[in-house]
Amino acid sequence: MLSRTLSALQVPHTHLRKASNFNKYPALKVKPFGVGGNAMLAIGVTVFTASMIVTYQAGYIKKRIEVLEESEMMGPDCNSRLKVAIEKLTGLVEENEELKNEEVYQVAKNLLVEVIN
């Protein structure tokens, strides 16, 4: 990754030296743009991290938009299913008026009144 970053900055690879034991990243001998190697590495990591966060957030926003669009498409389908279910329940309540004393009948009747109003 560092070599790709250096290539993008047009810094030849010959300017690299092995880092000391306490630093696992190679340091630059030259200071392009007047910035030291470790500072450039820190800037590169910061820019890379920021770009990953922006990419993640853009992907997250894109996914949320997809979910919203799918939800909007489901609305008419849900409404048509609800109308069919109300018609079926109304038919069942009208056909089974002899069950007026049953709890299930009362619940269905109350549900119809609540949904229609």
PDB file of N, CA and C in Angstrom:
ATOM      1  N   MET A   1       0.828  -1.184   0.000  1.00  0.00           N
ATOM      2  CA  MET A   1       0.000   0.000   0.000  1.00  0.00           C
ATOM      3  C   MET A   1       0.877   1.254   0.000  1.00  0.00           C
ATOM      4  N   LEU A   2       1.938   1.207   0.759  1.00  0.00           N
ATOM      5  CA  LEU A   2       2.826   2.367   0.824  1.00  0.00           C
ATOM      6  C   LEU A   2       3.484   2.615  -0.521  1.00  0.00           C
ATOM      7  N   SER A   3       3.859   1.526  -1.228  1.00  0.00           N
ATOM      8  CA  SER A   3       4.508   1.723  -2.527  1.00  0.00           C
ATOM      9  C   SER A   3       3.545   2.345  -3.525  1.00  0.00           C
ATOM     10  N   ARG A   4       2.255   1.976  -3.463  1.00  0.00           N
ATOM     11  CA  ARG A   4       1.268   2.605  -4.342  1.00  0.00           C
ATOM     12  C   ARG A   4       1.107   4.081  -3.989  1.00  0.00           C
ATOM     13  N   THR A   5       1.128   4.385  -2.701  1.00  0.00           N
ATOM     14  CA  THR A   5       1.019   5.778  -2.277  1.00  0.00           C
ATOM     15  C   THR A   5       2.222   6.569  -2.767  1.00  0.00           C
ATOM     16  N   LEU A   6       3.399   5.966  -2.657  1.00  0.00           N
ATOM     17  CA  LEU A   6       4.611   6.640  -3.114  1.00  0.00           C
ATOM     18  C   LEU A   6       4.600   6.813  -4.625  1.00  0.00           C
ATOM     19  N   SER A   7       4.079   5.824  -5.340  1.00  0.00           N
ATOM     20  CA  SER A   7       3.985   5.950  -6.794  1.00  0.00           C
ATOM     21  C   SER A   7       3.056   7.083  -7.170  1.00  0.00           C
ATOM     22  N   ALA A   8       1.968   7.209  -6.439  1.00  0.00           N
ATOM     23  CA  ALA A   8       1.023   8.290  -6.716  1.00  0.00           C
ATOM     24  C   ALA A   8       1.672   9.646  -6.448  1.00  0.00           C
ATOM     25  N   LEU A   9       2.558   9.698  -5.468  1.00  0.00           N
ATOM     26  CA  LEU A   9       3.259  10.945  -5.151  1.00  0.00           C
ATOM     27  C   LEU A   9       4.497  11.134  -6.022  1.00  0.00           C
ATOM     28  N   GLN A  10       4.800  10.158  -6.893  1.00  0.00           N
ATOM     29  CA  GLN A  10       5.943  10.166  -7.786  1.00  0.00           C
ATOM     30  C   GLN A  10       7.258  10.229  -7.016  1.00  0.00           C
ATOM     31  N   VAL A  11       7.331   9.452  -5.942  1.00  0.00           N
ATOM     32  CA  VAL A  11       8.562   9.347  -5.163  1.00  0.00           C
ATOM     33  C   VAL A  11       9.196   8.019  -5.521  1.00  0.00           C
ATOM     34  N   PRO A  12      10.442   8.007  -5.988  1.00  0.00           N
ATOM     35  CA  PRO A  12      11.069   6.733  -6.352  1.00  0.00           C
ATOM     36  C   PRO A  12      11.254   5.837  -5.131  1.00  0.00           C
ATOM     37  N   HIS A  13      11.173   4.532  -5.362  1.00  0.00           N
ATOM     38  CA  HIS A  13      11.289   3.564  -4.266  1.00  0.00           C
ATOM     39  C   HIS A  13      12.709   3.489  -3.712  1.00  0.00           C
ATOM     40  N   THR A  14      13.682   4.002  -4.422  1.00  0.00           N
ATOM     41  CA  THR A  14      15.061   3.949  -3.948  1.00  0.00           C
ATOM     42  C   THR A  14      15.274   4.833  -2.730  1.00  0.00           C
ATOM     43  N   HIS A  15      14.363   5.726  -2.456  1.00  0.00           N
ATOM     44  CA  HIS A  15      14.517   6.627  -1.320  1.00  0.00           C
ATOM     45  C   HIS A  15      14.012   6.017  -0.021  1.00  0.00           C
ATOM     46  N   LEU A  16      13.604   4.757  -0.070  1.00  0.00           N
ATOM     47  CA  LEU A  16      13.129   4.108   1.152  1.00  0.00           C
ATOM     48  C   LEU A  16      14.296   3.494   1.903  1.00  0.00           C
ATOM     49  N   ARG A  17      14.203   3.481   3.177  1.00  0.00           N
ATOM     50  CA  ARG A  17      15.168   2.762   3.999  1.00  0.00           C
ATOM     51  C   ARG A  17      14.389   1.953   5.016  1.00  0.00           C
ATOM     52  N   LYS A  18      15.029   0.976   5.578  1.00  0.00           N
ATOM     53  CA  LYS A  18      14.371   0.156   6.590  1.00  0.00           C
ATOM     54  C   LYS A  18      14.112   0.992   7.834  1.00  0.00           C
ATOM     55  N   ALA A  19      12.955   0.785   8.396  1.00  0.00           N
ATOM     56  CA  ALA A  19      12.613   1.527   9.606  1.00  0.00           C
ATOM     57  C   ALA A  19      13.327   0.917  10.797  1.00  0.00           C
ATOM     58  N   SER A  20      13.417   1.676  11.847  1.00  0.00           N
ATOM     59  CA  SER A  20      14.034   1.165  13.063  1.00  0.00           C
ATOM     60  C   SER A  20      13.096   0.160  13.716  1.00  0.00           C
ATOM     61  N   ASN A  21      13.548  -0.512  14.741  1.00  0.00           N
ATOM     62  CA  ASN A  21      12.788  -1.590  15.377  1.00  0.00           C
ATOM     63  C   ASN A  21      11.474  -1.120  15.982  1.00  0.00           C
ATOM     64  N   PHE A  22      11.414   0.101  16.479  1.00  0.00           N
ATOM     65  CA  PHE A  22      10.197   0.557  17.146  1.00  0.00           C
ATOM     66  C   PHE A  22       9.135   1.039  16.156  1.00  0.00           C
ATOM     67  N   ASN A  23       9.492   1.182  14.895  1.00  0.00           N
ATOM     68  CA  ASN A  23       8.542   1.660  13.887  1.00  0.00           C
ATOM     69  C   ASN A  23       8.444   0.608  12.793  1.00  0.00           C
ATOM     70  N   LYS A  24       7.278   0.054  12.582  1.00  0.00           N
ATOM     71  CA  LYS A  24       7.151  -1.013  11.589  1.00  0.00           C
ATOM     72  C   LYS A  24       6.970  -0.474  10.172  1.00  0.00           C
ATOM     73  N   TYR A  25       6.796   0.827  10.016  1.00  0.00           N
ATOM     74  CA  TYR A  25       6.625   1.417   8.693  1.00  0.00           C
ATOM     75  C   TYR A  25       7.951   1.993   8.214  1.00  0.00           C
ATOM     76  N   PRO A  26       8.254   1.838   6.922  1.00  0.00           N
ATOM     77  CA  PRO A  26       9.495   2.436   6.411  1.00  0.00           C
ATOM     78  C   PRO A  26       9.403   3.956   6.417  1.00  0.00           C
ATOM     79  N   ALA A  27      10.536   4.574   6.607  1.00  0.00           N
ATOM     80  CA  ALA A  27      10.578   6.042   6.634  1.00  0.00           C
ATOM     81  C   ALA A  27      11.223   6.535   5.344  1.00  0.00           C
ATOM     82  N   LEU A  28      10.918   7.728   4.947  1.00  0.00           N
ATOM     83  CA  LEU A  28      11.488   8.312   3.741  1.00  0.00           C
ATOM     84  C   LEU A  28      12.755   9.091   4.085  1.00  0.00           C
ATOM     85  N   LYS A  29      13.767   8.950   3.211  1.00  0.00           N
ATOM     86  CA  LYS A  29      14.979   9.741   3.407  1.00  0.00           C
ATOM     87  C   LYS A  29      14.761  11.170   2.944  1.00  0.00           C
ATOM     88  N   VAL A  30      14.020  11.324   1.839  1.00  0.00           N
ATOM     89  CA  VAL A  30      13.779  12.661   1.309  1.00  0.00           C
ATOM     90  C   VAL A  30      12.526  13.231   1.941  1.00  0.00           C
ATOM     91  N   LYS A  31      12.386  14.523   1.829  1.00  0.00           N
ATOM     92  CA  LYS A  31      11.201  15.183   2.370  1.00  0.00           C
ATOM     93  C   LYS A  31      10.470  15.888   1.230  1.00  0.00           C
ATOM     94  N   PRO A  32       9.653  15.151   0.475  1.00  0.00           N
ATOM     95  CA  PRO A  32       8.913  15.830  -0.592  1.00  0.00           C
ATOM     96  C   PRO A  32       7.909  16.797   0.012  1.00  0.00           C
ATOM     97  N   PHE A  33       7.770  17.919  -0.603  1.00  0.00           N
ATOM     98  CA  PHE A  33       6.867  18.974  -0.137  1.00  0.00           C
ATOM     99  C   PHE A  33       7.239  19.461   1.254  1.00  0.00           C
ATOM    100  N   GLY A  34       8.468  19.197   1.708  1.00  0.00           N
ATOM    101  CA  GLY A  34       8.916  19.659   3.004  1.00  0.00           C
ATOM    102  C   GLY A  34       8.300  18.908   4.170  1.00  0.00           C
ATOM    103  N   VAL A  35       7.762  17.718   3.915  1.00  0.00           N
ATOM    104  CA  VAL A  35       7.115  16.934   4.970  1.00  0.00           C
ATOM    105  C   VAL A  35       7.908  15.657   5.161  1.00  0.00           C
ATOM    106  N   GLY A  36       8.159  15.284   6.409  1.00  0.00           N
ATOM    107  CA  GLY A  36       8.891  14.074   6.712  1.00  0.00           C
ATOM    108  C   GLY A  36       8.106  12.817   6.377  1.00  0.00           C
ATOM    109  N   GLY A  37       8.817  11.687   6.302  1.00  0.00           N
ATOM    110  CA  GLY A  37       8.196  10.421   5.919  1.00  0.00           C
ATOM    111  C   GLY A  37       7.094   9.979   6.855  1.00  0.00           C
ATOM    112  N   ASN A  38       7.346  10.034   8.158  1.00  0.00           N
ATOM    113  CA  ASN A  38       6.328   9.601   9.115  1.00  0.00           C
ATOM    114  C   ASN A  38       5.110  10.517   9.088  1.00  0.00           C
ATOM    115  N   ALA A  39       5.338  11.811   8.880  1.00  0.00           N
ATOM    116  CA  ALA A  39       4.213  12.743   8.779  1.00  0.00           C
ATOM    117  C   ALA A  39       3.411  12.454   7.521  1.00  0.00           C
ATOM    118  N   MET A  40       4.129  12.152   6.417  1.00  0.00           N
ATOM    119  CA  MET A  40       3.416  11.809   5.182  1.00  0.00           C
ATOM    120  C   MET A  40       2.618  10.537   5.368  1.00  0.00           C
ATOM    121  N   LEU A  41       3.196   9.573   6.068  1.00  0.00           N
ATOM    122  CA  LEU A  41       2.483   8.325   6.326  1.00  0.00           C
ATOM    123  C   LEU A  41       1.245   8.595   7.164  1.00  0.00           C
ATOM    124  N   ALA A  42       1.382   9.429   8.180  1.00  0.00           N
ATOM    125  CA  ALA A  42       0.228   9.767   9.018  1.00  0.00           C
ATOM    126  C   ALA A  42      -0.840  10.486   8.205  1.00  0.00           C
ATOM    127  N   ILE A  43      -0.413  11.387   7.330  1.00  0.00           N
ATOM    128  CA  ILE A  43      -1.377  12.089   6.474  1.00  0.00           C
ATOM    129  C   ILE A  43      -2.052  11.104   5.537  1.00  0.00           C
ATOM    130  N   GLY A  44      -1.259  10.191   4.965  1.00  0.00           N
ATOM    131  CA  GLY A  44      -1.827   9.193   4.054  1.00  0.00           C
ATOM    132  C   GLY A  44      -2.829   8.299   4.745  1.00  0.00           C
ATOM    133  N   VAL A  45      -2.498   7.842   5.952  1.00  0.00           N
ATOM    134  CA  VAL A  45      -3.418   6.996   6.712  1.00  0.00           C
ATOM    135  C   VAL A  45      -4.676   7.773   7.060  1.00  0.00           C
ATOM    136  N   THR A  46      -4.517   9.036   7.435  1.00  0.00           N
ATOM    137  CA  THR A  46      -5.683   9.861   7.769  1.00  0.00           C
ATOM    138  C   THR A  46      -6.580  10.047   6.556  1.00  0.00           C
ATOM    139  N   VAL A  47      -5.974  10.351   5.403  1.00  0.00           N
ATOM    140  CA  VAL A  47      -6.762  10.535   4.176  1.00  0.00           C
ATOM    141  C   VAL A  47      -7.442   9.231   3.790  1.00  0.00           C
ATOM    142  N   PHE A  48      -6.709   8.117   3.893  1.00  0.00           N
ATOM    143  CA  PHE A  48      -7.287   6.812   3.567  1.00  0.00           C
ATOM    144  C   PHE A  48      -8.454   6.496   4.490  1.00  0.00           C
ATOM    145  N   THR A  49      -8.284   6.729   5.785  1.00  0.00           N
ATOM    146  CA  THR A  49      -9.356   6.478   6.753  1.00  0.00           C
ATOM    147  C   THR A  49     -10.561   7.357   6.464  1.00  0.00           C
ATOM    148  N   ALA A  50     -10.316   8.617   6.180  1.00  0.00           N
ATOM    149  CA  ALA A  50     -11.427   9.528   5.871  1.00  0.00           C
ATOM    150  C   ALA A  50     -12.150   9.083   4.610  1.00  0.00           C
ATOM    151  N   SER A  51     -11.393   8.642   3.601  1.00  0.00           N
ATOM    152  CA  SER A  51     -12.048   8.191   2.367  1.00  0.00           C
ATOM    153  C   SER A  51     -12.849   6.925   2.610  1.00  0.00           C
ATOM    154  N   MET A  52     -12.359   6.039   3.488  1.00  0.00           N
ATOM    155  CA  MET A  52     -13.113   4.825   3.820  1.00  0.00           C
ATOM    156  C   MET A  52     -14.401   5.179   4.550  1.00  0.00           C
ATOM    157  N   ILE A  53     -14.338   6.145   5.451  1.00  0.00           N
ATOM    158  CA  ILE A  53     -15.542   6.568   6.183  1.00  0.00           C
ATOM    159  C   ILE A  53     -16.553   7.171   5.218  1.00  0.00           C
ATOM    160  N   VAL A  54     -16.079   8.025   4.312  1.00  0.00           N
ATOM    161  CA  VAL A  54     -16.985   8.643   3.338  1.00  0.00           C
ATOM    162  C   VAL A  54     -17.593   7.576   2.440  1.00  0.00           C
ATOM    163  N   THR A  55     -16.772   6.619   1.995  1.00  0.00           N
ATOM    164  CA  THR A  55     -17.279   5.533   1.159  1.00  0.00           C
ATOM    165  C   THR A  55     -18.303   4.718   1.917  1.00  0.00           C
ATOM    166  N   TYR A  56     -18.014   4.403   3.183  1.00  0.00           N
ATOM    167  CA  TYR A  56     -18.956   3.638   3.994  1.00  0.00           C
ATOM    168  C   TYR A  56     -20.260   4.408   4.157  1.00  0.00           C
ATOM    169  N   GLN A  57     -20.158   5.705   4.464  1.00  0.00           N
ATOM    170  CA  GLN A  57     -21.366   6.507   4.651  1.00  0.00           C
ATOM    171  C   GLN A  57     -22.142   6.630   3.352  1.00  0.00           C
ATOM    172  N   ALA A  58     -21.443   6.765   2.231  1.00  0.00           N
ATOM    173  CA  ALA A  58     -22.130   6.848   0.940  1.00  0.00           C
ATOM    174  C   ALA A  58     -22.848   5.540   0.652  1.00  0.00           C
ATOM    175  N   GLY A  59     -22.200   4.414   0.964  1.00  0.00           N
ATOM    176  CA  GLY A  59     -22.844   3.117   0.781  1.00  0.00           C
ATOM    177  C   GLY A  59     -24.034   2.950   1.699  1.00  0.00           C
ATOM    178  N   TYR A  60     -23.885   3.432   2.925  1.00  0.00           N
ATOM    179  CA  TYR A  60     -24.977   3.348   3.897  1.00  0.00           C
ATOM    180  C   TYR A  60     -26.165   4.181   3.430  1.00  0.00           C
ATOM    181  N   ILE A  61     -25.892   5.385   2.952  1.00  0.00           N
ATOM    182  CA  ILE A  61     -26.968   6.259   2.471  1.00  0.00           C
ATOM    183  C   ILE A  61     -27.624   5.644   1.242  1.00  0.00           C
ATOM    184  N   LYS A  62     -26.816   5.081   0.345  1.00  0.00           N
ATOM    185  CA  LYS A  62     -27.369   4.443  -0.852  1.00  0.00           C
ATOM    186  C   LYS A  62     -28.287   3.290  -0.460  1.00  0.00           C
ATOM    187  N   LYS A  63     -27.873   2.489   0.508  1.00  0.00           N
ATOM    188  CA  LYS A  63     -28.690   1.356   0.956  1.00  0.00           C
ATOM    189  C   LYS A  63     -29.982   1.847   1.594  1.00  0.00           C
ATOM    190  N   ARG A  64     -29.916   2.898   2.382  1.00  0.00           N
ATOM    191  CA  ARG A  64     -31.124   3.450   3.011  1.00  0.00           C
ATOM    192  C   ARG A  64     -32.099   3.970   1.953  1.00  0.00           C
ATOM    193  N   ILE A  65     -31.573   4.569   0.885  1.00  0.00           N
ATOM    194  CA  ILE A  65     -32.430   5.046  -0.205  1.00  0.00           C
ATOM    195  C   ILE A  65     -33.103   3.865  -0.890  1.00  0.00           C
ATOM    196  N   GLU A  66     -32.349   2.767  -1.104  1.00  0.00           N
ATOM    197  CA  GLU A  66     -32.939   1.570  -1.710  1.00  0.00           C
ATOM    198  C   GLU A  66     -34.063   1.018  -0.843  1.00  0.00           C
ATOM    199  N   VAL A  67     -33.840   0.961   0.464  1.00  0.00           N
ATOM    200  CA  VAL A  67     -34.867   0.456   1.378  1.00  0.00           C
ATOM    201  C   VAL A  67     -36.100   1.351   1.336  1.00  0.00           C
ATOM    202  N   LEU A  68     -35.888   2.656   1.301  1.00  0.00           N
ATOM    203  CA  LEU A  68     -37.004   3.598   1.233  1.00  0.00           C
ATOM    204  C   LEU A  68     -37.800   3.412  -0.059  1.00  0.00           C
ATOM    205  N   GLU A  69     -37.101   3.253  -1.184  1.00  0.00           N
ATOM    206  CA  GLU A  69     -37.790   3.054  -2.461  1.00  0.00           C
ATOM    207  C   GLU A  69     -38.583   1.753  -2.462  1.00  0.00           C
ATOM    208  N   GLU A  70     -37.999   0.680  -1.901  1.00  0.00           N
ATOM    209  CA  GLU A  70     -38.721  -0.590  -1.815  1.00  0.00           C
ATOM    210  C   GLU A  70     -39.946  -0.451  -0.920  1.00  0.00           C
ATOM    211  N   SER A  71     -39.813   0.280   0.167  1.00  0.00           N
ATOM    212  CA  SER A  71     -40.946   0.490   1.069  1.00  0.00           C
ATOM    213  C   SER A  71     -42.060   1.256   0.373  1.00  0.00           C
ATOM    214  N   GLU A  72     -41.689   2.258  -0.421  1.00  0.00           N
ATOM    215  CA  GLU A  72     -42.693   3.022  -1.160  1.00  0.00           C
ATOM    216  C   GLU A  72     -43.415   2.143  -2.176  1.00  0.00           C
ATOM    217  N   MET A  73     -42.697   1.182  -2.781  1.00  0.00           N
ATOM    218  CA  MET A  73     -43.327   0.284  -3.747  1.00  0.00           C
ATOM    219  C   MET A  73     -44.269  -0.708  -3.063  1.00  0.00           C
ATOM    220  N   MET A  74     -44.002  -1.022  -1.796  1.00  0.00           N
ATOM    221  CA  MET A  74     -44.845  -1.979  -1.076  1.00  0.00           C
ATOM    222  C   MET A  74     -46.171  -1.382  -0.633  1.00  0.00           C
ATOM    223  N   GLY A  75     -46.263  -0.081  -0.529  1.00  0.00           N
ATOM    224  CA  GLY A  75     -47.479   0.576  -0.045  1.00  0.00           C
ATOM    225  C   GLY A  75     -48.732   0.202  -0.814  1.00  0.00           C
ATOM    226  N   PRO A  76     -48.762   0.370  -2.133  1.00  0.00           N
ATOM    227  CA  PRO A  76     -49.973   0.016  -2.884  1.00  0.00           C
ATOM    228  C   PRO A  76     -50.335  -1.463  -2.759  1.00  0.00           C
ATOM    229  N   ASP A  77     -49.332  -2.331  -2.741  1.00  0.00           N
ATOM    230  CA  ASP A  77     -49.595  -3.763  -2.600  1.00  0.00           C
ATOM    231  C   ASP A  77     -50.225  -4.065  -1.246  1.00  0.00           C
ATOM    232  N   CYS A  78     -49.711  -3.454  -0.196  1.00  0.00           N
ATOM    233  CA  CYS A  78     -50.270  -3.658   1.149  1.00  0.00           C
ATOM    234  C   CYS A  78     -51.702  -3.136   1.229  1.00  0.00           C
ATOM    235  N   ASN A  79     -51.960  -1.999   0.598  1.00  0.00           N
ATOM    236  CA  ASN A  79     -53.321  -1.450   0.604  1.00  0.00           C
ATOM    237  C   ASN A  79     -54.296  -2.382  -0.093  1.00  0.00           C
ATOM    238  N   SER A  80     -53.888  -2.933  -1.241  1.00  0.00           N
ATOM    239  CA  SER A  80     -54.793  -3.843  -1.954  1.00  0.00           C
ATOM    240  C   SER A  80     -55.033  -5.111  -1.145  1.00  0.00           C
ATOM    241  N   ARG A  81     -54.008  -5.642  -0.494  1.00  0.00           N
ATOM    242  CA  ARG A  81     -54.183  -6.830   0.357  1.00  0.00           C
ATOM    243  C   ARG A  81     -55.094  -6.530   1.543  1.00  0.00           C
ATOM    244  N   LEU A  82     -54.942  -5.354   2.114  1.00  0.00           N
ATOM    245  CA  LEU A  82     -55.776  -4.966   3.251  1.00  0.00           C
ATOM    246  C   LEU A  82     -57.238  -4.854   2.832  1.00  0.00           C
ATOM    247  N   LYS A  83     -57.498  -4.291   1.659  1.00  0.00           N
ATOM    248  CA  LYS A  83     -58.876  -4.186   1.166  1.00  0.00           C
ATOM    249  C   LYS A  83     -59.498  -5.564   0.966  1.00  0.00           C
ATOM    250  N   VAL A  84     -58.721  -6.492   0.392  1.00  0.00           N
ATOM    251  CA  VAL A  84     -59.220  -7.861   0.189  1.00  0.00           C
ATOM    252  C   VAL A  84     -59.517  -8.519   1.532  1.00  0.00           C
ATOM    253  N   ALA A  85     -58.629  -8.344   2.516  1.00  0.00           N
ATOM    254  CA  ALA A  85     -58.832  -8.945   3.839  1.00  0.00           C
ATOM    255  C   ALA A  85     -60.066  -8.363   4.521  1.00  0.00           C
ATOM    256  N   ILE A  86     -60.286  -7.059   4.385  1.00  0.00           N
ATOM    257  CA  ILE A  86     -61.469  -6.422   4.989  1.00  0.00           C
ATOM    258  C   ILE A  86     -62.738  -6.962   4.342  1.00  0.00           C
ATOM    259  N   GLU A  87     -62.717  -7.117   3.015  1.00  0.00           N
ATOM    260  CA  GLU A  87     -63.889  -7.661   2.318  1.00  0.00           C
ATOM    261  C   GLU A  87     -64.192  -9.086   2.776  1.00  0.00           C
ATOM    262  N   LYS A  88     -63.138  -9.917   2.918  1.00  0.00           N
ATOM    263  CA  LYS A  88     -63.336 -11.298   3.380  1.00  0.00           C
ATOM    264  C   LYS A  88     -63.905 -11.319   4.796  1.00  0.00           C
ATOM    265  N   LEU A  89     -63.351 -10.500   5.677  1.00  0.00           N
ATOM    266  CA  LEU A  89     -63.817 -10.473   7.063  1.00  0.00           C
ATOM    267  C   LEU A  89     -65.250  -9.960   7.141  1.00  0.00           C
ATOM    268  N   THR A  90     -65.577  -8.968   6.335  1.00  0.00           N
ATOM    269  CA  THR A  90     -66.956  -8.461   6.301  1.00  0.00           C
ATOM    270  C   THR A  90     -67.907  -9.565   5.846  1.00  0.00           C
ATOM    271  N   GLY A  91     -67.513 -10.307   4.823  1.00  0.00           N
ATOM    272  CA  GLY A  91     -68.335 -11.421   4.341  1.00  0.00           C
ATOM    273  C   GLY A  91     -68.523 -12.487   5.403  1.00  0.00           C
ATOM    274  N   LEU A  92     -67.452 -12.825   6.113  1.00  0.00           N
ATOM    275  CA  LEU A  92     -67.552 -13.848   7.165  1.00  0.00           C
ATOM    276  C   LEU A  92     -68.449 -13.388   8.310  1.00  0.00           C
ATOM    277  N   VAL A  93     -68.341 -12.126   8.693  1.00  0.00           N
ATOM    278  CA  VAL A  93     -69.169 -11.606   9.788  1.00  0.00           C
ATOM    279  C   VAL A  93     -70.640 -11.627   9.380  1.00  0.00           C
ATOM    280  N   GLU A  94     -70.928 -11.244   8.130  1.00  0.00           N
ATOM    281  CA  GLU A  94     -72.321 -11.231   7.667  1.00  0.00           C
ATOM    282  C   GLU A  94     -72.892 -12.639   7.536  1.00  0.00           C
ATOM    283  N   GLU A  95     -72.064 -13.597   7.111  1.00  0.00           N
ATOM    284  CA  GLU A  95     -72.530 -14.974   6.943  1.00  0.00           C
ATOM    285  C   GLU A  95     -72.771 -15.669   8.281  1.00  0.00           C
ATOM    286  N   ASN A  96     -72.034 -15.307   9.292  1.00  0.00           N
ATOM    287  CA  ASN A  96     -72.088 -16.023  10.571  1.00  0.00           C
ATOM    288  C   ASN A  96     -72.709 -15.174  11.675  1.00  0.00           C
ATOM    289  N   GLU A  97     -73.824 -14.564  11.397  1.00  0.00           N
ATOM    290  CA  GLU A  97     -74.485 -13.742  12.414  1.00  0.00           C
ATOM    291  C   GLU A  97     -75.058 -14.579  13.550  1.00  0.00           C
ATOM    292  N   GLU A  98     -75.224 -15.878  13.331  1.00  0.00           N
ATOM    293  CA  GLU A  98     -75.731 -16.737  14.401  1.00  0.00           C
ATOM    294  C   GLU A  98     -74.717 -16.903  15.528  1.00  0.00           C
ATOM    295  N   LEU A  99     -73.475 -16.494  15.292  1.00  0.00           N
ATOM    296  CA  LEU A  99     -72.426 -16.607  16.316  1.00  0.00           C
ATOM    297  C   LEU A  99     -72.219 -15.296  17.070  1.00  0.00           C
ATOM    298  N   LYS A 100     -73.256 -14.471  17.162  1.00  0.00           N
ATOM    299  CA  LYS A 100     -73.133 -13.156  17.801  1.00  0.00           C
ATOM    300  C   LYS A 100     -72.649 -13.230  19.242  1.00  0.00           C
ATOM    301  N   ASN A 101     -72.940 -14.302  19.914  1.00  0.00           N
ATOM    302  CA  ASN A 101     -72.572 -14.429  21.324  1.00  0.00           C
ATOM    303  C   ASN A 101     -71.135 -14.910  21.516  1.00  0.00           C
ATOM    304  N   GLU A 102     -70.490 -15.357  20.452  1.00  0.00           N
ATOM    305  CA  GLU A 102     -69.117 -15.865  20.561  1.00  0.00           C
ATOM    306  C   GLU A 102     -68.119 -14.703  20.656  1.00  0.00           C
ATOM    307  N   GLU A 103     -67.049 -14.940  21.396  1.00  0.00           N
ATOM    308  CA  GLU A 103     -66.026 -13.904  21.587  1.00  0.00           C
ATOM    309  C   GLU A 103     -65.296 -13.588  20.279  1.00  0.00           C
ATOM    310  N   VAL A 104     -65.028 -14.612  19.469  1.00  0.00           N
ATOM    311  CA  VAL A 104     -64.319 -14.414  18.202  1.00  0.00           C
ATOM    312  C   VAL A 104     -65.127 -13.511  17.274  1.00  0.00           C
ATOM    313  N   TYR A 105     -66.445 -13.707  17.255  1.00  0.00           N
ATOM    314  CA  TYR A 105     -67.325 -12.886  16.420  1.00  0.00           C
ATOM    315  C   TYR A 105     -67.277 -11.430  16.874  1.00  0.00           C
ATOM    316  N   GLN A 106     -67.318 -11.220  18.176  1.00  0.00           N
ATOM    317  CA  GLN A 106     -67.281  -9.853  18.715  1.00  0.00           C
ATOM    318  C   GLN A 106     -65.951  -9.157  18.378  1.00  0.00           C
ATOM    319  N   VAL A 107     -64.868  -9.912  18.487  1.00  0.00           N
ATOM    320  CA  VAL A 107     -63.547  -9.348  18.160  1.00  0.00           C
ATOM    321  C   VAL A 107     -63.495  -8.960  16.685  1.00  0.00           C
ATOM    322  N   ALA A 108     -64.002  -9.837  15.808  1.00  0.00           N
ATOM    323  CA  ALA A 108     -63.996  -9.550  14.373  1.00  0.00           C
ATOM    324  C   ALA A 108     -64.854  -8.330  14.057  1.00  0.00           C
ATOM    325  N   LYS A 109     -66.032  -8.254  14.688  1.00  0.00           N
ATOM    326  CA  LYS A 109     -66.936  -7.124  14.453  1.00  0.00           C
ATOM    327  C   LYS A 109     -66.277  -5.814  14.914  1.00  0.00           C
ATOM    328  N   ASN A 110     -65.665  -5.827  16.103  1.00  0.00           N
ATOM    329  CA  ASN A 110     -64.981  -4.630  16.624  1.00  0.00           C
ATOM    330  C   ASN A 110     -63.805  -4.219  15.731  1.00  0.00           C
ATOM    331  N   LEU A 111     -63.093  -5.208  15.228  1.00  0.00           N
ATOM    332  CA  LEU A 111     -61.965  -4.928  14.336  1.00  0.00           C
ATOM    333  C   LEU A 111     -62.443  -4.260  13.049  1.00  0.00           C
ATOM    334  N   LEU A 112     -63.534  -4.765  12.502  1.00  0.00           N
ATOM    335  CA  LEU A 112     -64.093  -4.147  11.291  1.00  0.00           C
ATOM    336  C   LEU A 112     -64.512  -2.703  11.538  1.00  0.00           C
ATOM    337  N   VAL A 113     -65.175  -2.472  12.663  1.00  0.00           N
ATOM    338  CA  VAL A 113     -65.608  -1.106  12.986  1.00  0.00           C
ATOM    339  C   VAL A 113     -64.392  -0.187  13.120  1.00  0.00           C
ATOM    340  N   GLU A 114     -63.351  -0.683  13.771  1.00  0.00           N
ATOM    341  CA  GLU A 114     -62.141   0.123  13.983  1.00  0.00           C
ATOM    342  C   GLU A 114     -61.417   0.415  12.666  1.00  0.00           C
ATOM    343  N   VAL A 115     -61.329  -0.587  11.794  1.00  0.00           N
ATOM    344  CA  VAL A 115     -60.601  -0.417  10.533  1.00  0.00           C
ATOM    345  C   VAL A 115     -61.371   0.475   9.566  1.00  0.00           C
ATOM    346  N   ILE A 116     -62.661   0.300   9.497  1.00  0.00           N
ATOM    347  CA  ILE A 116     -63.470   1.069   8.548  1.00  0.00           C
ATOM    348  C   ILE A 116     -63.544   2.534   8.964  1.00  0.00           C
ATOM    349  N   ASN A 117     -63.626   2.799  10.260  1.00  0.00           N
ATOM    350  CA  ASN A 117     -63.703   4.192  10.732  1.00  0.00           C
ATOM    351  C   ASN A 117     -62.322   4.708  10.820  1.00  0.00           C
TER     352      ASN A 117
END
